[in-house]
Amino acid sequence: MVRIDARGMRCPWPAVRLARGLRDGARIAEILADDPQASTELAAVAEANDATIEIILDETYRTYVVTCR
């Protein structure tokens, strides 16, 4: 499992970090992000890697959990 703190980063950086983590062999990734475009970008990376994505909402940011199948 890899944890990525992408708070304060603008897209495409959260997606780039997720792609790098999955490429390095992570089967589960937890990403903290506050960019409004992160949902779209991270979902695209998850789909490209045949992974599922779950979004956990918080008051200030979102946590995305990406799980490879």
PDB file of N, CA and C in Angstrom:
ATOM      1  N   MET A   1       0.846  -1.179   0.000  1.00  0.00           N
ATOM      2  CA  MET A   1       0.000   0.000   0.000  1.00  0.00           C
ATOM      3  C   MET A   1       0.888   1.238   0.000  1.00  0.00           C
ATOM      4  N   VAL A   2       0.450   2.231  -0.762  1.00  0.00           N
ATOM      5  CA  VAL A   2       1.182   3.489  -0.813  1.00  0.00           C
ATOM      6  C   VAL A   2       0.225   4.612  -0.428  1.00  0.00           C
ATOM      7  N   ARG A   3       0.728   5.573   0.339  1.00  0.00           N
ATOM      8  CA  ARG A   3      -0.048   6.754   0.707  1.00  0.00           C
ATOM      9  C   ARG A   3       0.582   7.967   0.033  1.00  0.00           C
ATOM     10  N   ILE A   4      -0.270   8.756  -0.612  1.00  0.00           N
ATOM     11  CA  ILE A   4       0.199   9.929  -1.339  1.00  0.00           C
ATOM     12  C   ILE A   4      -0.523  11.155  -0.798  1.00  0.00           C
ATOM     13  N   ASP A   5       0.223  12.104  -0.281  1.00  0.00           N
ATOM     14  CA  ASP A   5      -0.365  13.357   0.187  1.00  0.00           C
ATOM     15  C   ASP A   5      -0.188  14.392  -0.916  1.00  0.00           C
ATOM     16  N   ALA A   6      -1.270  14.617  -1.662  1.00  0.00           N
ATOM     17  CA  ALA A   6      -1.215  15.549  -2.787  1.00  0.00           C
ATOM     18  C   ALA A   6      -1.990  16.827  -2.484  1.00  0.00           C
ATOM     19  N   ARG A   7      -2.225  17.085  -1.218  1.00  0.00           N
ATOM     20  CA  ARG A   7      -2.922  18.317  -0.859  1.00  0.00           C
ATOM     21  C   ARG A   7      -2.067  19.511  -1.252  1.00  0.00           C
ATOM     22  N   GLY A   8      -2.710  20.486  -1.896  1.00  0.00           N
ATOM     23  CA  GLY A   8      -1.995  21.667  -2.353  1.00  0.00           C
ATOM     24  C   GLY A   8      -1.394  21.509  -3.734  1.00  0.00           C
ATOM     25  N   MET A   9      -1.392  20.304  -4.266  1.00  0.00           N
ATOM     26  CA  MET A   9      -0.861  20.063  -5.613  1.00  0.00           C
ATOM     27  C   MET A   9      -1.985  20.195  -6.621  1.00  0.00           C
ATOM     28  N   ARG A  10      -1.705  20.828  -7.717  1.00  0.00           N
ATOM     29  CA  ARG A  10      -2.682  20.963  -8.794  1.00  0.00           C
ATOM     30  C   ARG A  10      -2.476  19.849  -9.808  1.00  0.00           C
ATOM     31  N   CYS A  11      -3.558  19.461 -10.451  1.00  0.00           N
ATOM     32  CA  CYS A  11      -3.476  18.429 -11.477  1.00  0.00           C
ATOM     33  C   CYS A  11      -2.573  18.919 -12.606  1.00  0.00           C
ATOM     34  N   PRO A  12      -1.803  18.014 -13.115  1.00  0.00           N
ATOM     35  CA  PRO A  12      -1.923  16.568 -13.089  1.00  0.00           C
ATOM     36  C   PRO A  12      -1.090  15.880 -12.006  1.00  0.00           C
ATOM     37  N   TRP A  13      -0.476  16.614 -11.087  1.00  0.00           N
ATOM     38  CA  TRP A  13       0.468  16.004 -10.138  1.00  0.00           C
ATOM     39  C   TRP A  13      -0.112  14.891  -9.277  1.00  0.00           C
ATOM     40  N   PRO A  14      -1.338  14.991  -8.731  1.00  0.00           N
ATOM     41  CA  PRO A  14      -1.864  13.840  -7.974  1.00  0.00           C
ATOM     42  C   PRO A  14      -1.957  12.583  -8.850  1.00  0.00           C
ATOM     43  N   ALA A  15      -2.397  12.747 -10.091  1.00  0.00           N
ATOM     44  CA  ALA A  15      -2.511  11.605 -10.999  1.00  0.00           C
ATOM     45  C   ALA A  15      -1.143  11.045 -11.372  1.00  0.00           C
ATOM     46  N   VAL A  16      -0.176  11.919 -11.561  1.00  0.00           N
ATOM     47  CA  VAL A  16       1.183  11.472 -11.885  1.00  0.00           C
ATOM     48  C   VAL A  16       1.751  10.653 -10.731  1.00  0.00           C
ATOM     49  N   ARG A  17       1.541  11.125  -9.528  1.00  0.00           N
ATOM     50  CA  ARG A  17       2.045  10.379  -8.364  1.00  0.00           C
ATOM     51  C   ARG A  17       1.342   9.035  -8.214  1.00  0.00           C
ATOM     52  N   LEU A  18       0.026   9.000  -8.466  1.00  0.00           N
ATOM     53  CA  LEU A  18      -0.701   7.730  -8.416  1.00  0.00           C
ATOM     54  C   LEU A  18      -0.157   6.772  -9.466  1.00  0.00           C
ATOM     55  N   ALA A  19      -0.003   7.241 -10.686  1.00  0.00           N
ATOM     56  CA  ALA A  19       0.515   6.386 -11.760  1.00  0.00           C
ATOM     57  C   ALA A  19       1.891   5.825 -11.402  1.00  0.00           C
ATOM     58  N   ARG A  20       2.728   6.653 -10.815  1.00  0.00           N
ATOM     59  CA  ARG A  20       4.071   6.199 -10.410  1.00  0.00           C
ATOM     60  C   ARG A  20       3.971   5.114  -9.338  1.00  0.00           C
ATOM     61  N   GLY A  21       3.089   5.317  -8.356  1.00  0.00           N
ATOM     62  CA  GLY A  21       2.919   4.321  -7.296  1.00  0.00           C
ATOM     63  C   GLY A  21       2.427   2.988  -7.834  1.00  0.00           C
ATOM     64  N   LEU A  22       1.452   3.024  -8.742  1.00  0.00           N
ATOM     65  CA  LEU A  22       0.949   1.788  -9.334  1.00  0.00           C
ATOM     66  C   LEU A  22       2.011   1.128 -10.207  1.00  0.00           C
ATOM     67  N   ARG A  23       2.749   1.923 -10.939  1.00  0.00           N
ATOM     68  CA  ARG A  23       3.819   1.384 -11.787  1.00  0.00           C
ATOM     69  C   ARG A  23       4.902   0.707 -10.934  1.00  0.00           C
ATOM     70  N   ASP A  24       5.127   1.248  -9.733  1.00  0.00           N
ATOM     71  CA  ASP A  24       6.141   0.680  -8.845  1.00  0.00           C
ATOM     72  C   ASP A  24       5.648  -0.550  -8.088  1.00  0.00           C
ATOM     73  N   GLY A  25       4.386  -0.966  -8.349  1.00  0.00           N
ATOM     74  CA  GLY A  25       3.900  -2.220  -7.784  1.00  0.00           C
ATOM     75  C   GLY A  25       2.880  -2.119  -6.674  1.00  0.00           C
ATOM     76  N   ALA A  26       2.454  -0.939  -6.319  1.00  0.00           N
ATOM     77  CA  ALA A  26       1.444  -0.808  -5.265  1.00  0.00           C
ATOM     78  C   ALA A  26       0.129  -1.416  -5.743  1.00  0.00           C
ATOM     79  N   ARG A  27      -0.512  -2.197  -4.915  1.00  0.00           N
ATOM     80  CA  ARG A  27      -1.810  -2.792  -5.245  1.00  0.00           C
ATOM     81  C   ARG A  27      -2.951  -1.933  -4.712  1.00  0.00           C
ATOM     82  N   ILE A  28      -2.656  -1.152  -3.657  1.00  0.00           N
ATOM     83  CA  ILE A  28      -3.632  -0.230  -3.068  1.00  0.00           C
ATOM     84  C   ILE A  28      -2.930   1.109  -2.884  1.00  0.00           C
ATOM     85  N   ALA A  29      -3.621   2.171  -3.257  1.00  0.00           N
ATOM     86  CA  ALA A  29      -3.071   3.511  -3.082  1.00  0.00           C
ATOM     87  C   ALA A  29      -4.124   4.380  -2.405  1.00  0.00           C
ATOM     88  N   GLU A  30      -3.691   5.147  -1.430  1.00  0.00           N
ATOM     89  CA  GLU A  30      -4.560   6.100  -0.745  1.00  0.00           C
ATOM     90  C   GLU A  30      -4.019   7.490  -1.043  1.00  0.00           C
ATOM     91  N   ILE A  31      -4.842   8.319  -1.666  1.00  0.00           N
ATOM     92  CA  ILE A  31      -4.393   9.644  -2.095  1.00  0.00           C
ATOM     93  C   ILE A  31      -5.225  10.704  -1.397  1.00  0.00           C
ATOM     94  N   LEU A  32      -4.567  11.651  -0.757  1.00  0.00           N
ATOM     95  CA  LEU A  32      -5.242  12.806  -0.180  1.00  0.00           C
ATOM     96  C   LEU A  32      -5.082  13.940  -1.180  1.00  0.00           C
ATOM     97  N   ALA A  33      -6.207  14.537  -1.600  1.00  0.00           N
ATOM     98  CA  ALA A  33      -6.125  15.593  -2.614  1.00  0.00           C
ATOM     99  C   ALA A  33      -7.222  16.617  -2.392  1.00  0.00           C
ATOM    100  N   ASP A  34      -6.919  17.869  -2.743  1.00  0.00           N
ATOM    101  CA  ASP A  34      -7.911  18.932  -2.603  1.00  0.00           C
ATOM    102  C   ASP A  34      -8.153  19.697  -3.905  1.00  0.00           C
ATOM    103  N   ASP A  35      -7.528  19.291  -4.992  1.00  0.00           N
ATOM    104  CA  ASP A  35      -7.773  19.924  -6.286  1.00  0.00           C
ATOM    105  C   ASP A  35      -9.107  19.413  -6.837  1.00  0.00           C
ATOM    106  N   PRO A  36     -10.002  20.299  -7.269  1.00  0.00           N
ATOM    107  CA  PRO A  36     -11.295  19.865  -7.797  1.00  0.00           C
ATOM    108  C   PRO A  36     -11.191  18.940  -9.015  1.00  0.00           C
ATOM    109  N   GLN A  37     -10.126  19.031  -9.781  1.00  0.00           N
ATOM    110  CA  GLN A  37      -9.939  18.173 -10.956  1.00  0.00           C
ATOM    111  C   GLN A  37      -9.384  16.798 -10.614  1.00  0.00           C
ATOM    112  N   ALA A  38      -8.975  16.594  -9.372  1.00  0.00           N
ATOM    113  CA  ALA A  38      -8.344  15.330  -8.991  1.00  0.00           C
ATOM    114  C   ALA A  38      -9.266  14.133  -9.226  1.00  0.00           C
ATOM    115  N   SER A  39     -10.558  14.289  -8.963  1.00  0.00           N
ATOM    116  CA  SER A  39     -11.489  13.163  -9.155  1.00  0.00           C
ATOM    117  C   SER A  39     -11.414  12.620 -10.576  1.00  0.00           C
ATOM    118  N   THR A  40     -11.478  13.498 -11.538  1.00  0.00           N
ATOM    119  CA  THR A  40     -11.454  13.102 -12.942  1.00  0.00           C
ATOM    120  C   THR A  40     -10.116  12.490 -13.323  1.00  0.00           C
ATOM    121  N   GLU A  41      -9.038  13.143 -12.921  1.00  0.00           N
ATOM    122  CA  GLU A  41      -7.693  12.674 -13.285  1.00  0.00           C
ATOM    123  C   GLU A  41      -7.364  11.326 -12.639  1.00  0.00           C
ATOM    124  N   LEU A  42      -7.679  11.184 -11.353  1.00  0.00           N
ATOM    125  CA  LEU A  42      -7.377   9.935 -10.652  1.00  0.00           C
ATOM    126  C   LEU A  42      -8.237   8.790 -11.170  1.00  0.00           C
ATOM    127  N   ALA A  43      -9.498   9.078 -11.507  1.00  0.00           N
ATOM    128  CA  ALA A  43     -10.370   8.041 -12.068  1.00  0.00           C
ATOM    129  C   ALA A  43      -9.820   7.540 -13.400  1.00  0.00           C
ATOM    130  N   ALA A  44      -9.276   8.428 -14.202  1.00  0.00           N
ATOM    131  CA  ALA A  44      -8.695   8.032 -15.491  1.00  0.00           C
ATOM    132  C   ALA A  44      -7.484   7.121 -15.287  1.00  0.00           C
ATOM    133  N   VAL A  45      -6.646   7.447 -14.318  1.00  0.00           N
ATOM    134  CA  VAL A  45      -5.480   6.597 -14.032  1.00  0.00           C
ATOM    135  C   VAL A  45      -5.933   5.239 -13.519  1.00  0.00           C
ATOM    136  N   ALA A  46      -6.927   5.231 -12.642  1.00  0.00           N
ATOM    137  CA  ALA A  46      -7.447   3.968 -12.110  1.00  0.00           C
ATOM    138  C   ALA A  46      -7.998   3.098 -13.238  1.00  0.00           C
ATOM    139  N   GLU A  47      -8.791   3.698 -14.123  1.00  0.00           N
ATOM    140  CA  GLU A  47      -9.377   2.951 -15.232  1.00  0.00           C
ATOM    141  C   GLU A  47      -8.295   2.392 -16.154  1.00  0.00           C
ATOM    142  N   ALA A  48      -7.281   3.169 -16.424  1.00  0.00           N
ATOM    143  CA  ALA A  48      -6.189   2.722 -17.290  1.00  0.00           C
ATOM    144  C   ALA A  48      -5.424   1.548 -16.682  1.00  0.00           C
ATOM    145  N   ASN A  49      -5.481   1.423 -15.352  1.00  0.00           N
ATOM    146  CA  ASN A  49      -4.768   0.346 -14.668  1.00  0.00           C
ATOM    147  C   ASN A  49      -5.710  -0.755 -14.191  1.00  0.00           C
ATOM    148  N   ASP A  50      -6.947  -0.770 -14.730  1.00  0.00           N
ATOM    149  CA  ASP A  50      -7.958  -1.765 -14.365  1.00  0.00           C
ATOM    150  C   ASP A  50      -8.125  -1.835 -12.841  1.00  0.00           C
ATOM    151  N   ALA A  51      -8.267  -0.668 -12.235  1.00  0.00           N
ATOM    152  CA  ALA A  51      -8.410  -0.568 -10.782  1.00  0.00           C
ATOM    153  C   ALA A  51      -9.739   0.107 -10.443  1.00  0.00           C
ATOM    154  N   THR A  52     -10.194  -0.104  -9.221  1.00  0.00           N
ATOM    155  CA  THR A  52     -11.394   0.568  -8.742  1.00  0.00           C
ATOM    156  C   THR A  52     -10.971   1.788  -7.941  1.00  0.00           C
ATOM    157  N   ILE A  53     -11.876   2.756  -7.843  1.00  0.00           N
ATOM    158  CA  ILE A  53     -11.581   3.957  -7.066  1.00  0.00           C
ATOM    159  C   ILE A  53     -12.765   4.243  -6.149  1.00  0.00           C
ATOM    160  N   GLU A  54     -12.460   4.534  -4.907  1.00  0.00           N
ATOM    161  CA  GLU A  54     -13.465   4.900  -3.910  1.00  0.00           C
ATOM    162  C   GLU A  54     -13.110   6.288  -3.404  1.00  0.00           C
ATOM    163  N   ILE A  55     -14.114   7.135  -3.277  1.00  0.00           N
ATOM    164  CA  ILE A  55     -13.890   8.499  -2.805  1.00  0.00           C
ATOM    165  C   ILE A  55     -14.500   8.648  -1.422  1.00  0.00           C
ATOM    166  N   ILE A  56     -13.682   9.079  -0.478  1.00  0.00           N
ATOM    167  CA  ILE A  56     -14.134   9.321   0.887  1.00  0.00           C
ATOM    168  C   ILE A  56     -14.091  10.821   1.113  1.00  0.00           C
ATOM    169  N   LEU A  57     -15.244  11.411   1.339  1.00  0.00           N
ATOM    170  CA  LEU A  57     -15.335  12.862   1.492  1.00  0.00           C
ATOM    171  C   LEU A  57     -15.030  13.287   2.918  1.00  0.00           C
ATOM    172  N   ASP A  58     -14.359  14.424   3.036  1.00  0.00           N
ATOM    173  CA  ASP A  58     -14.056  15.051   4.308  1.00  0.00           C
ATOM    174  C   ASP A  58     -14.442  16.512   4.168  1.00  0.00           C
ATOM    175  N   GLU A  59     -14.381  17.268   5.238  1.00  0.00           N
ATOM    176  CA  GLU A  59     -14.758  18.674   5.186  1.00  0.00           C
ATOM    177  C   GLU A  59     -13.814  19.513   4.325  1.00  0.00           C
ATOM    178  N   THR A  60     -12.541  19.181   4.300  1.00  0.00           N
ATOM    179  CA  THR A  60     -11.576  20.035   3.604  1.00  0.00           C
ATOM    180  C   THR A  60     -10.931  19.390   2.381  1.00  0.00           C
ATOM    181  N   TYR A  61     -10.902  18.083   2.312  1.00  0.00           N
ATOM    182  CA  TYR A  61     -10.293  17.415   1.165  1.00  0.00           C
ATOM    183  C   TYR A  61     -10.905  16.036   1.002  1.00  0.00           C
ATOM    184  N   ARG A  62     -10.519  15.361  -0.041  1.00  0.00           N
ATOM    185  CA  ARG A  62     -11.025  14.021  -0.322  1.00  0.00           C
ATOM    186  C   ARG A  62      -9.898  13.005  -0.224  1.00  0.00           C
ATOM    187  N   THR A  63     -10.272  11.818   0.184  1.00  0.00           N
ATOM    188  CA  THR A  63      -9.350  10.700   0.182  1.00  0.00           C
ATOM    189  C   THR A  63      -9.824   9.737  -0.899  1.00  0.00           C
ATOM    190  N   TYR A  64      -8.927   9.375  -1.767  1.00  0.00           N
ATOM    191  CA  TYR A  64      -9.228   8.445  -2.852  1.00  0.00           C
ATOM    192  C   TYR A  64      -8.497   7.144  -2.546  1.00  0.00           C
ATOM    193  N   VAL A  65      -9.208   6.029  -2.604  1.00  0.00           N
ATOM    194  CA  VAL A  65      -8.593   4.734  -2.393  1.00  0.00           C
ATOM    195  C   VAL A  65      -8.689   3.979  -3.716  1.00  0.00           C
ATOM    196  N   VAL A  66      -7.551   3.695  -4.298  1.00  0.00           N
ATOM    197  CA  VAL A  66      -7.473   2.993  -5.580  1.00  0.00           C
ATOM    198  C   VAL A  66      -6.975   1.581  -5.310  1.00  0.00           C
ATOM    199  N   THR A  67      -7.742   0.600  -5.784  1.00  0.00           N
ATOM    200  CA  THR A  67      -7.408  -0.792  -5.550  1.00  0.00           C
ATOM    201  C   THR A  67      -7.291  -1.507  -6.891  1.00  0.00           C
ATOM    202  N   CYS A  68      -6.150  -2.125  -7.119  1.00  0.00           N
ATOM    203  CA  CYS A  68      -5.956  -2.890  -8.353  1.00  0.00           C
ATOM    204  C   CYS A  68      -6.684  -4.221  -8.240  1.00  0.00           C
ATOM    205  N   ARG A  69      -7.224  -4.642  -9.359  1.00  0.00           N
ATOM    206  CA  ARG A  69      -7.975  -5.925  -9.379  1.00  0.00           C
ATOM    207  C   ARG A  69      -7.064  -7.088  -9.566  1.00  0.00           C
TER     208      ARG A  69
END
